[in-house]
Amino acid sequence: MCEEKENIMSYEKIETIEELKRLSGTQEGLDCFIALAGGAARSSKHIYHDSNGFNVLNEIDGSYDDMTEEQLVNDSFLGEALKKGCLYKY
């Protein structure tokens, strides 16, 4: 899914679920992306986290996903990106 290339190295990598929760748990939420094809393509997301879980806006089509932490980590593309080191903060 992801190999680091120079065009994404200037962005902050999100490395843990705890870091994702901290960054997305603000009133503004988090603008981030999943690096695809080594950073040649991106899947942009806006993530908001609260006590109910995660709310994810998929910016490519405007769709929303609501999920628990367990669903995000184990059953989603976001969880896979996090595990593979492909999730970055804008």
C-alpha atoms as a PDB file:
ATOM      1  CA  MET A   1       0.000   0.000   0.000  1.00  0.00           C
ATOM      2  CA  CYS A   2       2.644   2.500   0.966  1.00  0.00           C
ATOM      3  CA  GLU A   3       6.306   3.136   0.371  1.00  0.00           C
ATOM      4  CA  GLU A   4       7.670   6.482   1.557  1.00  0.00           C
ATOM      5  CA  LYS A   5       8.641   8.775  -1.255  1.00  0.00           C
ATOM      6  CA  GLU A   6      10.050  12.274  -1.004  1.00  0.00           C
ATOM      7  CA  ASN A   7       6.720  13.951  -1.792  1.00  0.00           C
ATOM      8  CA  ILE A   8       5.148  12.674   1.470  1.00  0.00           C
ATOM      9  CA  MET A   9       8.174  12.839   3.764  1.00  0.00           C
ATOM     10  CA  SER A  10       7.391  16.471   4.677  1.00  0.00           C
ATOM     11  CA  TYR A  11       4.076  15.431   6.276  1.00  0.00           C
ATOM     12  CA  GLU A  12       3.707  14.164   9.836  1.00  0.00           C
ATOM     13  CA  LYS A  13       3.086  10.410   9.949  1.00  0.00           C
ATOM     14  CA  ILE A  14       0.416   9.216  12.388  1.00  0.00           C
ATOM     15  CA  GLU A  15       1.869   6.106  13.962  1.00  0.00           C
ATOM     16  CA  THR A  16      -0.510   4.897  16.682  1.00  0.00           C
ATOM     17  CA  ILE A  17      -4.210   4.764  17.440  1.00  0.00           C
ATOM     18  CA  GLU A  18      -3.528   6.868  20.532  1.00  0.00           C
ATOM     19  CA  GLU A  19      -1.957   9.564  18.373  1.00  0.00           C
ATOM     20  CA  LEU A  20      -4.913   9.429  15.959  1.00  0.00           C
ATOM     21  CA  LYS A  21      -7.362   9.782  18.868  1.00  0.00           C
ATOM     22  CA  ARG A  22      -5.429  12.740  20.285  1.00  0.00           C
ATOM     23  CA  LEU A  23      -5.203  14.567  16.950  1.00  0.00           C
ATOM     24  CA  SER A  24      -8.815  13.907  15.927  1.00  0.00           C
ATOM     25  CA  GLY A  25     -10.286  14.537  19.373  1.00  0.00           C
ATOM     26  CA  THR A  26     -10.186  18.311  19.044  1.00  0.00           C
ATOM     27  CA  GLN A  27     -13.126  20.532  18.158  1.00  0.00           C
ATOM     28  CA  GLU A  28     -11.683  20.970  14.658  1.00  0.00           C
ATOM     29  CA  GLY A  29     -11.011  17.275  14.068  1.00  0.00           C
ATOM     30  CA  LEU A  30      -8.142  16.118  11.856  1.00  0.00           C
ATOM     31  CA  ASP A  31      -7.436  16.576   8.148  1.00  0.00           C
ATOM     32  CA  CYS A  32      -5.295  13.682   6.992  1.00  0.00           C
ATOM     33  CA  PHE A  33      -4.657  11.331   4.099  1.00  0.00           C
ATOM     34  CA  ILE A  34      -3.753   7.768   3.312  1.00  0.00           C
ATOM     35  CA  ALA A  35      -0.754   7.653   1.005  1.00  0.00           C
ATOM     36  CA  LEU A  36      -1.354   5.329  -1.932  1.00  0.00           C
ATOM     37  CA  ALA A  37       1.209   4.159  -4.484  1.00  0.00           C
ATOM     38  CA  GLY A  38       4.077   5.550  -2.443  1.00  0.00           C
ATOM     39  CA  GLY A  39       2.428   8.934  -2.109  1.00  0.00           C
ATOM     40  CA  ALA A  40       1.650   9.378  -5.798  1.00  0.00           C
ATOM     41  CA  ALA A  41      -2.041   9.307  -4.862  1.00  0.00           C
ATOM     42  CA  ARG A  42      -3.915  10.215  -1.686  1.00  0.00           C
ATOM     43  CA  SER A  43      -7.186   9.321  -0.058  1.00  0.00           C
ATOM     44  CA  SER A  44      -8.077  12.433   1.946  1.00  0.00           C
ATOM     45  CA  LYS A  45     -10.102  12.144   5.141  1.00  0.00           C
ATOM     46  CA  HIS A  46     -11.481  14.415   7.848  1.00  0.00           C
ATOM     47  CA  ILE A  47     -11.672  12.523  11.144  1.00  0.00           C
ATOM     48  CA  TYR A  48     -13.399  13.516  14.342  1.00  0.00           C
ATOM     49  CA  HIS A  49     -13.129  11.422  17.520  1.00  0.00           C
ATOM     50  CA  ASP A  50     -15.257  11.607  20.658  1.00  0.00           C
ATOM     51  CA  SER A  51     -16.564   9.235  23.322  1.00  0.00           C
ATOM     52  CA  ASN A  52     -18.892   7.607  20.763  1.00  0.00           C
ATOM     53  CA  GLY A  53     -16.054   6.635  18.408  1.00  0.00           C
ATOM     54  CA  PHE A  54     -14.800   7.966  15.093  1.00  0.00           C
ATOM     55  CA  ASN A  55     -16.636   9.935  12.426  1.00  0.00           C
ATOM     56  CA  VAL A  56     -14.809   9.867   9.103  1.00  0.00           C
ATOM     57  CA  LEU A  57     -15.563  12.055   6.096  1.00  0.00           C
ATOM     58  CA  ASN A  58     -14.224  10.513   2.893  1.00  0.00           C
ATOM     59  CA  GLU A  59     -13.430  13.630   0.928  1.00  0.00           C
ATOM     60  CA  ILE A  60     -13.362  11.938  -2.476  1.00  0.00           C
ATOM     61  CA  ASP A  61     -17.108  11.371  -2.486  1.00  0.00           C
ATOM     62  CA  GLY A  62     -18.451  13.143   0.607  1.00  0.00           C
ATOM     63  CA  SER A  63     -19.521   9.911   2.285  1.00  0.00           C
ATOM     64  CA  TYR A  64     -19.336   9.410   6.049  1.00  0.00           C
ATOM     65  CA  ASP A  65     -18.374   6.408   8.139  1.00  0.00           C
ATOM     66  CA  ASP A  66     -19.081   6.098  11.845  1.00  0.00           C
ATOM     67  CA  MET A  67     -17.070   3.430  13.631  1.00  0.00           C
ATOM     68  CA  THR A  68     -15.788   2.311  16.980  1.00  0.00           C
ATOM     69  CA  GLU A  69     -12.082   2.174  17.731  1.00  0.00           C
ATOM     70  CA  GLU A  70     -12.161  -1.605  17.275  1.00  0.00           C
ATOM     71  CA  GLN A  71     -13.852  -1.292  13.872  1.00  0.00           C
ATOM     72  CA  LEU A  72     -11.394   1.376  12.752  1.00  0.00           C
ATOM     73  CA  VAL A  73      -8.342  -0.654  13.785  1.00  0.00           C
ATOM     74  CA  ASN A  74      -9.499  -4.104  12.676  1.00  0.00           C
ATOM     75  CA  ASP A  75     -12.036  -3.664   9.891  1.00  0.00           C
ATOM     76  CA  SER A  76     -11.214  -0.525   7.943  1.00  0.00           C
ATOM     77  CA  PHE A  77      -8.882   0.834   5.313  1.00  0.00           C
ATOM     78  CA  LEU A  78      -7.825   3.464   7.874  1.00  0.00           C
ATOM     79  CA  GLY A  79      -6.714   0.763  10.309  1.00  0.00           C
ATOM     80  CA  GLU A  80      -4.717  -0.955   7.587  1.00  0.00           C
ATOM     81  CA  ALA A  81      -3.080   2.358   6.646  1.00  0.00           C
ATOM     82  CA  LEU A  82      -2.220   3.050  10.286  1.00  0.00           C
ATOM     83  CA  LYS A  83      -0.623  -0.387  10.693  1.00  0.00           C
ATOM     84  CA  LYS A  84       1.359  -0.022   7.447  1.00  0.00           C
ATOM     85  CA  GLY A  85       2.580   3.516   8.206  1.00  0.00           C
ATOM     86  CA  CYS A  86       0.618   5.202   5.424  1.00  0.00           C
ATOM     87  CA  LEU A  87      -1.520   7.663   7.404  1.00  0.00           C
ATOM     88  CA  TYR A  88      -0.364  11.295   7.400  1.00  0.00           C
ATOM     89  CA  LYS A  89      -1.525  14.578   8.871  1.00  0.00           C
ATOM     90  CA  TYR A  90      -1.885  17.500   6.435  1.00  0.00           C
END
